[in-house]
Full PDB file with SEQRES, HELIX, SHEET, SSBOND, CRYST1, ORIGX, SCALE, CONECT and MASTER records, all heavy atoms in Angstrom:
SEQRES   1 A   37  HIS GLN GLU PHE LEU ARG PHE LEU ARG THR ILE ASP ARG          
SEQRES   2 A   37  ALA THR PRO SER ASP VAL ASP LEU HIS LEU ILE LEU ASP          
SEQRES   3 A   37  ASN TYR GLY THR HIS LYS THR PRO GLN ILE GLN                  
HELIX    1 AA1 GLN A    2  ALA A   14  1                                  13    
HELIX    2 AA2 GLY A   29  HIS A   31  5                                   3    
CRYST1    1.000    1.000    1.000  90.00  90.00  90.00 P 1           1          
ORIGX1      1.000000  0.000000  0.000000        0.00000                         
ORIGX2      0.000000  1.000000  0.000000        0.00000                         
ORIGX3      0.000000  0.000000  1.000000        0.00000                         
SCALE1      1.000000  0.000000  0.000000        0.00000                         
SCALE2      0.000000  1.000000  0.000000        0.00000                         
SCALE3      0.000000  0.000000  1.000000        0.00000                         
ATOM      1  N   HIS A   1     -19.019  43.109   3.733  1.00  0.00           N  
ATOM      2  CA  HIS A   1     -20.316  42.765   4.301  1.00  0.00           C  
ATOM      3  C   HIS A   1     -20.389  41.277   4.633  1.00  0.00           C  
ATOM      4  O   HIS A   1     -21.127  40.866   5.531  1.00  0.00           O  
ATOM      5  CB  HIS A   1     -21.434  43.168   3.336  1.00  0.00           C  
ATOM      6  CG  HIS A   1     -21.617  42.227   2.191  1.00  0.00           C  
ATOM      7  ND1 HIS A   1     -20.948  42.362   0.993  1.00  0.00           N  
ATOM      8  CD2 HIS A   1     -22.397  41.111   2.070  1.00  0.00           C  
ATOM      9  CE1 HIS A   1     -21.316  41.389   0.168  1.00  0.00           C  
ATOM     10  NE2 HIS A   1     -22.187  40.625   0.784  1.00  0.00           N  
ATOM     11  N   GLN A   2     -19.596  40.445   3.931  1.00  0.00           N  
ATOM     12  CA  GLN A   2     -19.582  39.022   4.261  1.00  0.00           C  
ATOM     13  C   GLN A   2     -19.053  38.789   5.672  1.00  0.00           C  
ATOM     14  O   GLN A   2     -19.602  37.974   6.428  1.00  0.00           O  
ATOM     15  CB  GLN A   2     -18.728  38.242   3.255  1.00  0.00           C  
ATOM     16  CG  GLN A   2     -19.295  38.203   1.841  1.00  0.00           C  
ATOM     17  CD  GLN A   2     -18.761  39.320   0.971  1.00  0.00           C  
ATOM     18  OE1 GLN A   2     -18.492  40.421   1.476  1.00  0.00           O  
ATOM     19  NE2 GLN A   2     -18.625  39.072  -0.324  1.00  0.00           N  
ATOM     20  N   GLU A   3     -17.993  39.521   6.039  1.00  0.00           N  
ATOM     21  CA  GLU A   3     -17.441  39.374   7.389  1.00  0.00           C  
ATOM     22  C   GLU A   3     -18.407  39.921   8.444  1.00  0.00           C  
ATOM     23  O   GLU A   3     -18.564  39.327   9.521  1.00  0.00           O  
ATOM     24  CB  GLU A   3     -16.096  40.101   7.490  1.00  0.00           C  
ATOM     25  CG  GLU A   3     -14.945  39.363   6.825  1.00  0.00           C  
ATOM     26  CD  GLU A   3     -15.005  39.386   5.314  1.00  0.00           C  
ATOM     27  OE1 GLU A   3     -15.511  40.392   4.767  1.00  0.00           O  
ATOM     28  OE2 GLU A   3     -14.580  38.400   4.680  1.00  0.00           O  
ATOM     29  N   PHE A   4     -19.082  41.012   8.136  1.00  0.00           N  
ATOM     30  CA  PHE A   4     -20.047  41.538   9.096  1.00  0.00           C  
ATOM     31  C   PHE A   4     -21.223  40.586   9.267  1.00  0.00           C  
ATOM     32  O   PHE A   4     -21.721  40.388  10.388  1.00  0.00           O  
ATOM     33  CB  PHE A   4     -20.546  42.907   8.627  1.00  0.00           C  
ATOM     34  CG  PHE A   4     -21.532  43.530   9.563  1.00  0.00           C  
ATOM     35  CD1 PHE A   4     -21.176  43.868  10.864  1.00  0.00           C  
ATOM     36  CD2 PHE A   4     -22.842  43.772   9.150  1.00  0.00           C  
ATOM     37  CE1 PHE A   4     -22.098  44.434  11.735  1.00  0.00           C  
ATOM     38  CE2 PHE A   4     -23.759  44.340  10.019  1.00  0.00           C  
ATOM     39  CZ  PHE A   4     -23.389  44.672  11.310  1.00  0.00           C  
ATOM     40  N   LEU A   5     -21.675  39.971   8.178  1.00  0.00           N  
ATOM     41  CA  LEU A   5     -22.756  38.989   8.270  1.00  0.00           C  
ATOM     42  C   LEU A   5     -22.328  37.787   9.105  1.00  0.00           C  
ATOM     43  O   LEU A   5     -23.112  37.256   9.906  1.00  0.00           O  
ATOM     44  CB  LEU A   5     -23.176  38.556   6.863  1.00  0.00           C  
ATOM     45  CG  LEU A   5     -24.378  37.615   6.763  1.00  0.00           C  
ATOM     46  CD1 LEU A   5     -25.602  38.246   7.403  1.00  0.00           C  
ATOM     47  CD2 LEU A   5     -24.661  37.258   5.307  1.00  0.00           C  
ATOM     48  N   ARG A   6     -21.074  37.385   8.952  1.00  0.00           N  
ATOM     49  CA  ARG A   6     -20.563  36.282   9.771  1.00  0.00           C  
ATOM     50  C   ARG A   6     -20.565  36.668  11.249  1.00  0.00           C  
ATOM     51  O   ARG A   6     -20.873  35.849  12.119  1.00  0.00           O  
ATOM     52  CB  ARG A   6     -19.146  35.932   9.311  1.00  0.00           C  
ATOM     53  CG  ARG A   6     -18.589  34.628   9.873  1.00  0.00           C  
ATOM     54  CD  ARG A   6     -17.230  34.339   9.275  1.00  0.00           C  
ATOM     55  NE  ARG A   6     -17.323  34.320   7.812  1.00  0.00           N  
ATOM     56  CZ  ARG A   6     -16.395  34.788   6.995  1.00  0.00           C  
ATOM     57  NH1 ARG A   6     -15.308  35.351   7.500  1.00  0.00           N  
ATOM     58  NH2 ARG A   6     -16.545  34.706   5.684  1.00  0.00           N  
ATOM     59  N   PHE A   7     -20.254  37.925  11.530  1.00  0.00           N  
ATOM     60  CA  PHE A   7     -20.253  38.369  12.925  1.00  0.00           C  
ATOM     61  C   PHE A   7     -21.672  38.435  13.482  1.00  0.00           C  
ATOM     62  O   PHE A   7     -21.905  38.119  14.653  1.00  0.00           O  
ATOM     63  CB  PHE A   7     -19.568  39.732  13.036  1.00  0.00           C  
ATOM     64  CG  PHE A   7     -19.432  40.230  14.445  1.00  0.00           C  
ATOM     65  CD1 PHE A   7     -18.813  39.462  15.417  1.00  0.00           C  
ATOM     66  CD2 PHE A   7     -19.945  41.465  14.812  1.00  0.00           C  
ATOM     67  CE1 PHE A   7     -18.684  39.920  16.722  1.00  0.00           C  
ATOM     68  CE2 PHE A   7     -19.826  41.931  16.113  1.00  0.00           C  
ATOM     69  CZ  PHE A   7     -19.198  41.148  17.070  1.00  0.00           C  
ATOM     70  N   LEU A   8     -22.634  38.855  12.679  1.00  0.00           N  
ATOM     71  CA  LEU A   8     -24.020  38.841  13.134  1.00  0.00           C  
ATOM     72  C   LEU A   8     -24.455  37.439  13.510  1.00  0.00           C  
ATOM     73  O   LEU A   8     -25.170  37.239  14.505  1.00  0.00           O  
ATOM     74  CB  LEU A   8     -24.934  39.415  12.051  1.00  0.00           C  
ATOM     75  CG  LEU A   8     -24.847  40.930  11.791  1.00  0.00           C  
ATOM     76  CD1 LEU A   8     -25.791  41.320  10.653  1.00  0.00           C  
ATOM     77  CD2 LEU A   8     -25.188  41.722  13.040  1.00  0.00           C  
ATOM     78  N   ARG A   9     -24.054  36.454  12.735  1.00  0.00           N  
ATOM     79  CA  ARG A   9     -24.392  35.062  13.063  1.00  0.00           C  
ATOM     80  C   ARG A   9     -23.717  34.644  14.373  1.00  0.00           C  
ATOM     81  O   ARG A   9     -24.303  33.899  15.169  1.00  0.00           O  
ATOM     82  CB  ARG A   9     -23.969  34.135  11.927  1.00  0.00           C  
ATOM     83  CG  ARG A   9     -24.716  34.367  10.610  1.00  0.00           C  
ATOM     84  CD  ARG A   9     -24.445  33.246   9.632  1.00  0.00           C  
ATOM     85  NE  ARG A   9     -25.155  33.438   8.378  1.00  0.00           N  
ATOM     86  CZ  ARG A   9     -24.594  33.864   7.252  1.00  0.00           C  
ATOM     87  NH1 ARG A   9     -23.287  34.153   7.223  1.00  0.00           N  
ATOM     88  NH2 ARG A   9     -25.312  34.012   6.154  1.00  0.00           N  
ATOM     89  N   THR A  10     -22.492  35.147  14.600  1.00  0.00           N  
ATOM     90  CA  THR A  10     -21.811  34.854  15.867  1.00  0.00           C  
ATOM     91  C   THR A  10     -22.583  35.449  17.045  1.00  0.00           C  
ATOM     92  O   THR A  10     -22.754  34.794  18.084  1.00  0.00           O  
ATOM     93  CB  THR A  10     -20.381  35.418  15.831  1.00  0.00           C  
ATOM     94  OG1 THR A  10     -19.655  34.798  14.762  1.00  0.00           O  
ATOM     95  CG2 THR A  10     -19.661  35.153  17.151  1.00  0.00           C  
ATOM     96  N   ILE A  11     -23.067  36.666  16.888  1.00  0.00           N  
ATOM     97  CA  ILE A  11     -23.870  37.293  17.941  1.00  0.00           C  
ATOM     98  C   ILE A  11     -25.151  36.499  18.172  1.00  0.00           C  
ATOM     99  O   ILE A  11     -25.574  36.277  19.314  1.00  0.00           O  
ATOM    100  CB  ILE A  11     -24.199  38.752  17.575  1.00  0.00           C  
ATOM    101  CG1 ILE A  11     -22.921  39.601  17.527  1.00  0.00           C  
ATOM    102  CG2 ILE A  11     -25.189  39.360  18.567  1.00  0.00           C  
ATOM    103  CD1 ILE A  11     -23.146  41.032  17.064  1.00  0.00           C  
ATOM    104  N   ASP A  12     -25.745  36.035  17.087  1.00  0.00           N  
ATOM    105  CA  ASP A  12     -26.991  35.271  17.192  1.00  0.00           C  
ATOM    106  C   ASP A  12     -26.791  33.998  18.003  1.00  0.00           C  
ATOM    107  O   ASP A  12     -27.633  33.623  18.826  1.00  0.00           O  
ATOM    108  CB  ASP A  12     -27.489  34.952  15.787  1.00  0.00           C  
ATOM    109  CG  ASP A  12     -28.912  34.433  15.782  1.00  0.00           C  
ATOM    110  OD1 ASP A  12     -29.668  34.759  16.724  1.00  0.00           O  
ATOM    111  OD2 ASP A  12     -29.275  33.696  14.846  1.00  0.00           O  
ATOM    112  N   ARG A  13     -25.649  33.342  17.795  1.00  0.00           N  
ATOM    113  CA  ARG A  13     -25.375  32.094  18.518  1.00  0.00           C  
ATOM    114  C   ARG A  13     -24.960  32.351  19.966  1.00  0.00           C  
ATOM    115  O   ARG A  13     -25.202  31.517  20.841  1.00  0.00           O  
ATOM    116  CB  ARG A  13     -24.271  31.299  17.809  1.00  0.00           C  
ATOM    117  CG  ARG A  13     -24.672  30.751  16.446  1.00  0.00           C  
ATOM    118  CD  ARG A  13     -23.613  29.790  15.921  1.00  0.00           C  
ATOM    119  NE  ARG A  13     -22.322  30.438  15.764  1.00  0.00           N  
ATOM    120  CZ  ARG A  13     -21.918  31.005  14.630  1.00  0.00           C  
ATOM    121  NH1 ARG A  13     -22.731  31.040  13.567  1.00  0.00           N  
ATOM    122  NH2 ARG A  13     -20.729  31.571  14.547  1.00  0.00           N  
ATOM    123  N   ALA A  14     -24.325  33.509  20.233  1.00  0.00           N  
ATOM    124  CA  ALA A  14     -23.766  33.771  21.554  1.00  0.00           C  
ATOM    125  C   ALA A  14     -24.761  34.395  22.523  1.00  0.00           C  
ATOM    126  O   ALA A  14     -24.432  34.583  23.701  1.00  0.00           O  
ATOM    127  CB  ALA A  14     -22.545  34.686  21.426  1.00  0.00           C  
ATOM    128  N   THR A  15     -25.972  34.718  22.068  1.00  0.00           N  
ATOM    129  CA  THR A  15     -26.960  35.367  22.931  1.00  0.00           C  
ATOM    130  C   THR A  15     -28.205  34.490  23.044  1.00  0.00           C  
ATOM    131  O   THR A  15     -28.485  33.672  22.151  1.00  0.00           O  
ATOM    132  CB  THR A  15     -27.360  36.742  22.360  1.00  0.00           C  
ATOM    133  OG1 THR A  15     -27.813  36.579  21.002  1.00  0.00           O  
ATOM    134  CG2 THR A  15     -26.176  37.688  22.379  1.00  0.00           C  
ATOM    135  N   PRO A  16     -28.965  34.624  24.126  1.00  0.00           N  
ATOM    136  CA  PRO A  16     -30.198  33.837  24.277  1.00  0.00           C  
ATOM    137  C   PRO A  16     -31.148  34.073  23.107  1.00  0.00           C  
ATOM    138  O   PRO A  16     -31.373  35.220  22.693  1.00  0.00           O  
ATOM    139  CB  PRO A  16     -30.788  34.335  25.598  1.00  0.00           C  
ATOM    140  CG  PRO A  16     -29.618  34.890  26.348  1.00  0.00           C  
ATOM    141  CD  PRO A  16     -28.702  35.460  25.316  1.00  0.00           C  
ATOM    142  N   SER A  17     -31.726  33.018  22.588  1.00  0.00           N  
ATOM    143  CA  SER A  17     -32.542  33.122  21.377  1.00  0.00           C  
ATOM    144  C   SER A  17     -33.877  33.817  21.605  1.00  0.00           C  
ATOM    145  O   SER A  17     -34.516  34.257  20.643  1.00  0.00           O  
ATOM    146  CB  SER A  17     -32.789  31.720  20.799  1.00  0.00           C  
ATOM    147  OG  SER A  17     -33.448  30.901  21.765  1.00  0.00           O  
ATOM    148  N   ASP A  18     -34.323  33.915  22.865  1.00  0.00           N  
ATOM    149  CA  ASP A  18     -35.626  34.512  23.145  1.00  0.00           C  
ATOM    150  C   ASP A  18     -35.526  35.979  23.563  1.00  0.00           C  
ATOM    151  O   ASP A  18     -36.490  36.536  24.082  1.00  0.00           O  
ATOM    152  CB  ASP A  18     -36.339  33.714  24.236  1.00  0.00           C  
ATOM    153  CG  ASP A  18     -35.529  33.650  25.525  1.00  0.00           C  
ATOM    154  OD1 ASP A  18     -34.313  33.898  25.464  1.00  0.00           O  
ATOM    155  OD2 ASP A  18     -36.113  33.351  26.583  1.00  0.00           O  
ATOM    156  N   VAL A  19     -34.379  36.600  23.357  1.00  0.00           N  
ATOM    157  CA  VAL A  19     -34.152  37.981  23.783  1.00  0.00           C  
ATOM    158  C   VAL A  19     -33.969  38.856  22.552  1.00  0.00           C  
ATOM    159  O   VAL A  19     -33.213  38.512  21.636  1.00  0.00           O  
ATOM    160  CB  VAL A  19     -32.917  38.081  24.698  1.00  0.00           C  
ATOM    161  CG1 VAL A  19     -32.596  39.525  25.014  1.00  0.00           C  
ATOM    162  CG2 VAL A  19     -33.152  37.295  25.987  1.00  0.00           C  
ATOM    163  N   ASP A  20     -34.660  40.005  22.527  1.00  0.00           N  
ATOM    164  CA  ASP A  20     -34.446  40.967  21.450  1.00  0.00           C  
ATOM    165  C   ASP A  20     -33.080  41.625  21.601  1.00  0.00           C  
ATOM    166  O   ASP A  20     -32.610  41.870  22.715  1.00  0.00           O  
ATOM    167  CB  ASP A  20     -35.532  42.036  21.483  1.00  0.00           C  
ATOM    168  CG  ASP A  20     -36.831  41.554  20.854  1.00  0.00           C  
ATOM    169  OD1 ASP A  20     -36.841  40.439  20.308  1.00  0.00           O  
ATOM    170  OD2 ASP A  20     -37.836  42.290  20.934  1.00  0.00           O  
ATOM    171  N   LEU A  21     -32.453  41.915  20.463  1.00  0.00           N  
ATOM    172  CA  LEU A  21     -31.123  42.517  20.448  1.00  0.00           C  
ATOM    173  C   LEU A  21     -31.194  43.878  19.770  1.00  0.00           C  
ATOM    174  O   LEU A  21     -31.663  43.990  18.629  1.00  0.00           O  
ATOM    175  CB  LEU A  21     -30.132  41.617  19.707  1.00  0.00           C  
ATOM    176  CG  LEU A  21     -29.985  40.187  20.229  1.00  0.00           C  
ATOM    177  CD1 LEU A  21     -29.033  39.401  19.344  1.00  0.00           C  
ATOM    178  CD2 LEU A  21     -29.492  40.175  21.663  1.00  0.00           C  
ATOM    179  N   HIS A  22     -30.718  44.906  20.482  1.00  0.00           N  
ATOM    180  CA  HIS A  22     -30.637  46.252  19.920  1.00  0.00           C  
ATOM    181  C   HIS A  22     -29.173  46.571  19.685  1.00  0.00           C  
ATOM    182  O   HIS A  22     -28.389  46.709  20.642  1.00  0.00           O  
ATOM    183  CB  HIS A  22     -31.277  47.260  20.874  1.00  0.00           C  
ATOM    184  CG  HIS A  22     -32.756  47.092  21.018  1.00  0.00           C  
ATOM    185  ND1 HIS A  22     -33.657  47.835  20.285  1.00  0.00           N  
ATOM    186  CD2 HIS A  22     -33.490  46.253  21.804  1.00  0.00           C  
ATOM    187  CE1 HIS A  22     -34.885  47.480  20.612  1.00  0.00           C  
ATOM    188  NE2 HIS A  22     -34.810  46.519  21.535  1.00  0.00           N  
ATOM    189  N   LEU A  23     -28.776  46.689  18.422  1.00  0.00           N  
ATOM    190  CA  LEU A  23     -27.390  46.907  18.049  1.00  0.00           C  
ATOM    191  C   LEU A  23     -27.176  48.376  17.684  1.00  0.00           C  
ATOM    192  O   LEU A  23     -27.922  48.941  16.871  1.00  0.00           O  
ATOM    193  CB  LEU A  23     -26.997  46.024  16.867  1.00  0.00           C  
ATOM    194  CG  LEU A  23     -26.540  44.603  17.172  1.00  0.00           C  
ATOM    195  CD1 LEU A  23     -27.604  43.818  17.915  1.00  0.00           C  
ATOM    196  CD2 LEU A  23     -26.136  43.884  15.886  1.00  0.00           C  
ATOM    197  N   ILE A  24     -26.166  48.982  18.303  1.00  0.00           N  
ATOM    198  CA  ILE A  24     -25.779  50.355  17.991  1.00  0.00           C  
ATOM    199  C   ILE A  24     -24.605  50.297  17.025  1.00  0.00           C  
ATOM    200  O   ILE A  24     -23.555  49.722  17.336  1.00  0.00           O  
ATOM    201  CB  ILE A  24     -25.408  51.117  19.270  1.00  0.00           C  
ATOM    202  CG1 ILE A  24     -26.617  51.195  20.200  1.00  0.00           C  
ATOM    203  CG2 ILE A  24     -24.900  52.510  18.938  1.00  0.00           C  
ATOM    204  CD1 ILE A  24     -26.299  51.770  21.562  1.00  0.00           C  
ATOM    205  N   LEU A  25     -24.768  50.889  15.846  1.00  0.00           N  
ATOM    206  CA  LEU A  25     -23.781  50.785  14.779  1.00  0.00           C  
ATOM    207  C   LEU A  25     -23.478  52.158  14.198  1.00  0.00           C  
ATOM    208  O   LEU A  25     -24.260  53.099  14.363  1.00  0.00           O  
ATOM    209  CB  LEU A  25     -24.303  49.875  13.658  1.00  0.00           C  
ATOM    210  CG  LEU A  25     -24.712  48.450  14.032  1.00  0.00           C  
ATOM    211  CD1 LEU A  25     -25.580  47.865  12.934  1.00  0.00           C  
ATOM    212  CD2 LEU A  25     -23.482  47.595  14.241  1.00  0.00           C  
ATOM    213  N   ASP A  26     -22.353  52.233  13.467  1.00  0.00           N  
ATOM    214  CA  ASP A  26     -22.085  53.446  12.700  1.00  0.00           C  
ATOM    215  C   ASP A  26     -22.643  53.280  11.293  1.00  0.00           C  
ATOM    216  O   ASP A  26     -23.318  52.295  10.978  1.00  0.00           O  
ATOM    217  CB  ASP A  26     -20.588  53.762  12.692  1.00  0.00           C  
ATOM    218  CG  ASP A  26     -19.757  52.666  12.046  1.00  0.00           C  
ATOM    219  OD1 ASP A  26     -20.304  51.858  11.271  1.00  0.00           O  
ATOM    220  OD2 ASP A  26     -18.543  52.609  12.317  1.00  0.00           O  
ATOM    221  N   ASN A  27     -22.338  54.232  10.438  1.00  0.00           N  
ATOM    222  CA  ASN A  27     -22.934  54.251   9.100  1.00  0.00           C  
ATOM    223  C   ASN A  27     -22.035  53.645   8.029  1.00  0.00           C  
ATOM    224  O   ASN A  27     -22.144  53.991   6.850  1.00  0.00           O  
ATOM    225  CB  ASN A  27     -23.272  55.701   8.722  1.00  0.00           C  
ATOM    226  CG  ASN A  27     -24.401  56.263   9.556  1.00  0.00           C  
ATOM    227  OD1 ASN A  27     -25.565  56.095   9.231  1.00  0.00           O  
ATOM    228  ND2 ASN A  27     -24.064  56.929  10.656  1.00  0.00           N  
ATOM    229  N   TYR A  28     -21.156  52.718   8.424  1.00  0.00           N  
ATOM    230  CA  TYR A  28     -20.278  52.075   7.446  1.00  0.00           C  
ATOM    231  C   TYR A  28     -21.122  51.303   6.429  1.00  0.00           C  
ATOM    232  O   TYR A  28     -22.143  50.691   6.776  1.00  0.00           O  
ATOM    233  CB  TYR A  28     -19.321  51.135   8.170  1.00  0.00           C  
ATOM    234  CG  TYR A  28     -18.138  50.708   7.343  1.00  0.00           C  
ATOM    235  CD1 TYR A  28     -17.228  51.645   6.863  1.00  0.00           C  
ATOM    236  CD2 TYR A  28     -17.927  49.371   7.037  1.00  0.00           C  
ATOM    237  CE1 TYR A  28     -16.142  51.259   6.106  1.00  0.00           C  
ATOM    238  CE2 TYR A  28     -16.840  48.971   6.285  1.00  0.00           C  
ATOM    239  CZ  TYR A  28     -15.954  49.924   5.817  1.00  0.00           C  
ATOM    240  OH  TYR A  28     -14.879  49.533   5.052  1.00  0.00           O  
ATOM    241  N   GLY A  29     -20.687  51.341   5.169  1.00  0.00           N  
ATOM    242  CA  GLY A  29     -21.492  50.774   4.096  1.00  0.00           C  
ATOM    243  C   GLY A  29     -21.798  49.296   4.254  1.00  0.00           C  
ATOM    244  O   GLY A  29     -22.860  48.816   3.816  1.00  0.00           O  
ATOM    245  N   THR A  30     -20.892  48.535   4.876  1.00  0.00           N  
ATOM    246  CA  THR A  30     -21.112  47.093   5.018  1.00  0.00           C  
ATOM    247  C   THR A  30     -22.278  46.772   5.941  1.00  0.00           C  
ATOM    248  O   THR A  30     -22.744  45.632   5.965  1.00  0.00           O  
ATOM    249  CB  THR A  30     -19.839  46.421   5.566  1.00  0.00           C  
ATOM    250  OG1 THR A  30     -19.492  47.023   6.819  1.00  0.00           O  
ATOM    251  CG2 THR A  30     -18.689  46.589   4.601  1.00  0.00           C  
ATOM    252  N   HIS A  31     -22.755  47.753   6.720  1.00  0.00           N  
ATOM    253  CA  HIS A  31     -23.865  47.505   7.646  1.00  0.00           C  
ATOM    254  C   HIS A  31     -25.224  47.647   6.967  1.00  0.00           C  
ATOM    255  O   HIS A  31     -26.244  47.326   7.586  1.00  0.00           O  
ATOM    256  CB  HIS A  31     -23.806  48.490   8.819  1.00  0.00           C  
ATOM    257  CG  HIS A  31     -22.541  48.406   9.596  1.00  0.00           C  
ATOM    258  ND1 HIS A  31     -22.081  49.441  10.410  1.00  0.00           N  
ATOM    259  CD2 HIS A  31     -21.614  47.413   9.704  1.00  0.00           C  
ATOM    260  CE1 HIS A  31     -20.944  49.084  10.971  1.00  0.00           C  
ATOM    261  NE2 HIS A  31     -20.640  47.874  10.557  1.00  0.00           N  
ATOM    262  N   LYS A  32     -25.248  48.108   5.705  1.00  0.00           N  
ATOM    263  CA  LYS A  32     -26.521  48.434   5.067  1.00  0.00           C  
ATOM    264  C   LYS A  32     -26.695  47.793   3.695  1.00  0.00           C  
ATOM    265  O   LYS A  32     -27.564  48.213   2.933  1.00  0.00           O  
ATOM    266  CB  LYS A  32     -26.643  49.961   4.929  1.00  0.00           C  
ATOM    267  CG  LYS A  32     -26.554  50.726   6.247  1.00  0.00           C  
ATOM    268  CD  LYS A  32     -26.651  52.225   6.030  1.00  0.00           C  
ATOM    269  CE  LYS A  32     -26.579  52.999   7.338  1.00  0.00           C  
ATOM    270  NZ  LYS A  32     -26.686  54.459   7.149  1.00  0.00           N  
ATOM    271  N   THR A  33     -25.912  46.800   3.378  1.00  0.00           N  
ATOM    272  CA  THR A  33     -26.001  46.165   2.062  1.00  0.00           C  
ATOM    273  C   THR A  33     -27.296  45.357   1.952  1.00  0.00           C  
ATOM    274  O   THR A  33     -27.901  44.969   2.959  1.00  0.00           O  
ATOM    275  CB  THR A  33     -24.801  45.245   1.828  1.00  0.00           C  
ATOM    276  OG1 THR A  33     -24.826  44.199   2.811  1.00  0.00           O  
ATOM    277  CG2 THR A  33     -23.499  46.009   1.924  1.00  0.00           C  
ATOM    278  N   PRO A  34     -27.752  45.065   0.729  1.00  0.00           N  
ATOM    279  CA  PRO A  34     -28.976  44.245   0.561  1.00  0.00           C  
ATOM    280  C   PRO A  34     -28.867  42.884   1.239  1.00  0.00           C  
ATOM    281  O   PRO A  34     -29.865  42.371   1.777  1.00  0.00           O  
ATOM    282  CB  PRO A  34     -29.098  44.118  -0.956  1.00  0.00           C  
ATOM    283  CG  PRO A  34     -28.398  45.320  -1.500  1.00  0.00           C  
ATOM    284  CD  PRO A  34     -27.270  45.587  -0.562  1.00  0.00           C  
ATOM    285  N   GLN A  35     -27.681  42.275   1.220  1.00  0.00           N  
ATOM    286  CA  GLN A  35     -27.529  40.977   1.866  1.00  0.00           C  
ATOM    287  C   GLN A  35     -27.774  41.065   3.375  1.00  0.00           C  
ATOM    288  O   GLN A  35     -28.396  40.181   3.965  1.00  0.00           O  
ATOM    289  CB  GLN A  35     -26.137  40.411   1.590  1.00  0.00           C  
ATOM    290  CG  GLN A  35     -25.865  40.082   0.128  1.00  0.00           C  
ATOM    291  CD  GLN A  35     -25.388  41.281  -0.664  1.00  0.00           C  
ATOM    292  OE1 GLN A  35     -25.502  42.428  -0.213  1.00  0.00           O  
ATOM    293  NE2 GLN A  35     -24.871  41.018  -1.873  1.00  0.00           N  
ATOM    294  N   ILE A  36     -27.292  42.148   3.982  1.00  0.00           N  
ATOM    295  CA  ILE A  36     -27.523  42.352   5.421  1.00  0.00           C  
ATOM    296  C   ILE A  36     -29.003  42.586   5.684  1.00  0.00           C  
ATOM    297  O   ILE A  36     -29.582  42.032   6.634  1.00  0.00           O  
ATOM    298  CB  ILE A  36     -26.686  43.529   5.943  1.00  0.00           C  
ATOM    299  CG1 ILE A  36     -25.183  43.258   5.763  1.00  0.00           C  
ATOM    300  CG2 ILE A  36     -27.005  43.804   7.407  1.00  0.00           C  
ATOM    301  CD1 ILE A  36     -24.654  42.080   6.537  1.00  0.00           C  
ATOM    302  N   GLN A  37     -29.650  43.385   4.843  1.00  0.00           N  
ATOM    303  CA  GLN A  37     -31.065  43.656   5.024  1.00  0.00           C  
ATOM    304  C   GLN A  37     -31.898  42.391   4.908  1.00  0.00           C  
ATOM    305  O   GLN A  37     -32.848  42.169   5.679  1.00  0.00           O  
ATOM    306  CB  GLN A  37     -31.529  44.698   3.991  1.00  0.00           C  
ATOM    307  CG  GLN A  37     -30.854  46.052   4.107  1.00  0.00           C  
ATOM    308  CD  GLN A  37     -31.124  46.736   5.430  1.00  0.00           C  
ATOM    309  OE1 GLN A  37     -32.203  46.576   6.008  1.00  0.00           O  
ATOM    310  NE2 GLN A  37     -30.159  47.502   5.917  1.00  0.00           N  
TER     311      GLN A  37                                                      
MASTER        0    0    0    2    0    0    0    6  310    1    0    3          
END                                                                             
């Protein structure tokens, strides 16, 4: 989940800050940890 959180931050920096982002994901456990939430 640490690596996935790092990737979320990369997405945050690489996209316009005023645009909503809809992410399509699978059900891998690292996508739903308390830290991610």
